[in-house]
Amino acid sequence: MESVIVRDSATMSGAPTFRGTRVLVRTLFDYLEAGHSLERFLEGFPTVSREQALQALEEARESLLASS
């Protein structure tokens, strides 16, 4: 499966974004860390689908567990 997280030096200075958007992946983590729901994030960033957000969380989880 293709990653939903991309880095492109021409988009947001190469910071990780959701594929096909200019939404920083970090924004999702900031929302969740602040106690906001996934639904609130999705309402604020309608170019990111629920599936993309969940896949990004899964990719982050897999990356973290692989490095332990």
C-alpha atoms as a PDB file:
ATOM      1  CA  MET A   1       0.000   0.000   0.000  1.00  0.00           C
ATOM      2  CA  GLU A   2       1.279   3.465  -0.908  1.00  0.00           C
ATOM      3  CA  SER A   3       2.047   5.741   2.023  1.00  0.00           C
ATOM      4  CA  VAL A   4      -0.331   8.624   2.690  1.00  0.00           C
ATOM      5  CA  ILE A   5       2.581  10.580   4.127  1.00  0.00           C
ATOM      6  CA  VAL A   6       4.822  12.298   1.596  1.00  0.00           C
ATOM      7  CA  ARG A   7       7.806  14.647   1.664  1.00  0.00           C
ATOM      8  CA  ASP A   8       8.306  16.977  -1.273  1.00  0.00           C
ATOM      9  CA  SER A   9      10.735  19.882  -1.112  1.00  0.00           C
ATOM     10  CA  ALA A  10       8.315  21.896  -3.279  1.00  0.00           C
ATOM     11  CA  THR A  11       5.460  21.426  -0.785  1.00  0.00           C
ATOM     12  CA  MET A  12       5.622  22.923   2.702  1.00  0.00           C
ATOM     13  CA  SER A  13       9.445  22.993   2.564  1.00  0.00           C
ATOM     14  CA  GLY A  14       9.608  19.209   2.550  1.00  0.00           C
ATOM     15  CA  ALA A  15       7.749  18.681   5.830  1.00  0.00           C
ATOM     16  CA  PRO A  16       5.616  15.510   5.890  1.00  0.00           C
ATOM     17  CA  THR A  17       2.154  16.163   4.464  1.00  0.00           C
ATOM     18  CA  PHE A  18      -0.868  14.070   3.583  1.00  0.00           C
ATOM     19  CA  ARG A  19      -0.575  12.897  -0.042  1.00  0.00           C
ATOM     20  CA  GLY A  20      -2.383  15.267  -2.403  1.00  0.00           C
ATOM     21  CA  THR A  21      -2.734  18.043   0.193  1.00  0.00           C
ATOM     22  CA  ARG A  22      -0.724  20.792   1.846  1.00  0.00           C
ATOM     23  CA  VAL A  23      -1.849  19.629   5.306  1.00  0.00           C
ATOM     24  CA  LEU A  24       1.053  18.822   7.601  1.00  0.00           C
ATOM     25  CA  VAL A  25       0.869  15.416   9.270  1.00  0.00           C
ATOM     26  CA  ARG A  26       2.138  17.127  12.396  1.00  0.00           C
ATOM     27  CA  THR A  27      -1.160  19.028  12.543  1.00  0.00           C
ATOM     28  CA  LEU A  28      -3.033  15.760  13.129  1.00  0.00           C
ATOM     29  CA  PHE A  29      -0.747  14.890  16.035  1.00  0.00           C
ATOM     30  CA  ASP A  30      -1.034  18.434  17.434  1.00  0.00           C
ATOM     31  CA  TYR A  31      -4.840  18.168  17.395  1.00  0.00           C
ATOM     32  CA  LEU A  32      -4.826  14.793  19.118  1.00  0.00           C
ATOM     33  CA  GLU A  33      -2.202  15.869  21.644  1.00  0.00           C
ATOM     34  CA  ALA A  34      -4.365  18.886  22.545  1.00  0.00           C
ATOM     35  CA  GLY A  35      -7.252  16.533  23.330  1.00  0.00           C
ATOM     36  CA  HIS A  36      -9.266  17.193  20.180  1.00  0.00           C
ATOM     37  CA  SER A  37     -11.055  14.387  18.404  1.00  0.00           C
ATOM     38  CA  LEU A  38     -10.221  12.986  14.997  1.00  0.00           C
ATOM     39  CA  GLU A  39     -13.590  14.334  13.839  1.00  0.00           C
ATOM     40  CA  ARG A  40     -12.603  17.869  14.817  1.00  0.00           C
ATOM     41  CA  PHE A  41      -9.371  17.547  12.845  1.00  0.00           C
ATOM     42  CA  LEU A  42     -11.259  16.254   9.804  1.00  0.00           C
ATOM     43  CA  GLU A  43     -13.769  19.121  10.036  1.00  0.00           C
ATOM     44  CA  GLY A  44     -10.894  21.618  10.043  1.00  0.00           C
ATOM     45  CA  PHE A  45      -9.045  19.935   7.173  1.00  0.00           C
ATOM     46  CA  PRO A  46     -11.623  18.569   4.721  1.00  0.00           C
ATOM     47  CA  THR A  47      -8.957  17.734   2.118  1.00  0.00           C
ATOM     48  CA  VAL A  48      -7.794  14.907   4.415  1.00  0.00           C
ATOM     49  CA  SER A  49     -10.057  11.859   4.427  1.00  0.00           C
ATOM     50  CA  ARG A  50     -10.762   9.738   7.496  1.00  0.00           C
ATOM     51  CA  GLU A  51      -8.981   6.853   5.760  1.00  0.00           C
ATOM     52  CA  GLN A  52      -5.867   8.980   5.191  1.00  0.00           C
ATOM     53  CA  ALA A  53      -5.784  10.105   8.816  1.00  0.00           C
ATOM     54  CA  LEU A  54      -6.186   6.566  10.120  1.00  0.00           C
ATOM     55  CA  GLN A  55      -3.546   5.239   7.747  1.00  0.00           C
ATOM     56  CA  ALA A  56      -1.123   7.979   8.838  1.00  0.00           C
ATOM     57  CA  LEU A  57      -1.651   6.994  12.463  1.00  0.00           C
ATOM     58  CA  GLU A  58      -1.075   3.339  11.571  1.00  0.00           C
ATOM     59  CA  GLU A  59       2.115   4.204   9.661  1.00  0.00           C
ATOM     60  CA  ALA A  60       3.386   6.190  12.640  1.00  0.00           C
ATOM     61  CA  ARG A  61       2.543   3.297  14.961  1.00  0.00           C
ATOM     62  CA  GLU A  62       4.346   0.779  12.752  1.00  0.00           C
ATOM     63  CA  SER A  63       7.379   3.047  12.478  1.00  0.00           C
ATOM     64  CA  LEU A  64       7.552   3.491  16.250  1.00  0.00           C
ATOM     65  CA  LEU A  65       7.179  -0.211  16.985  1.00  0.00           C
ATOM     66  CA  ALA A  66       9.735  -1.169  14.319  1.00  0.00           C
ATOM     67  CA  SER A  67      12.358   1.038  15.927  1.00  0.00           C
ATOM     68  CA  SER A  68      11.932  -0.460  19.420  1.00  0.00           C
END
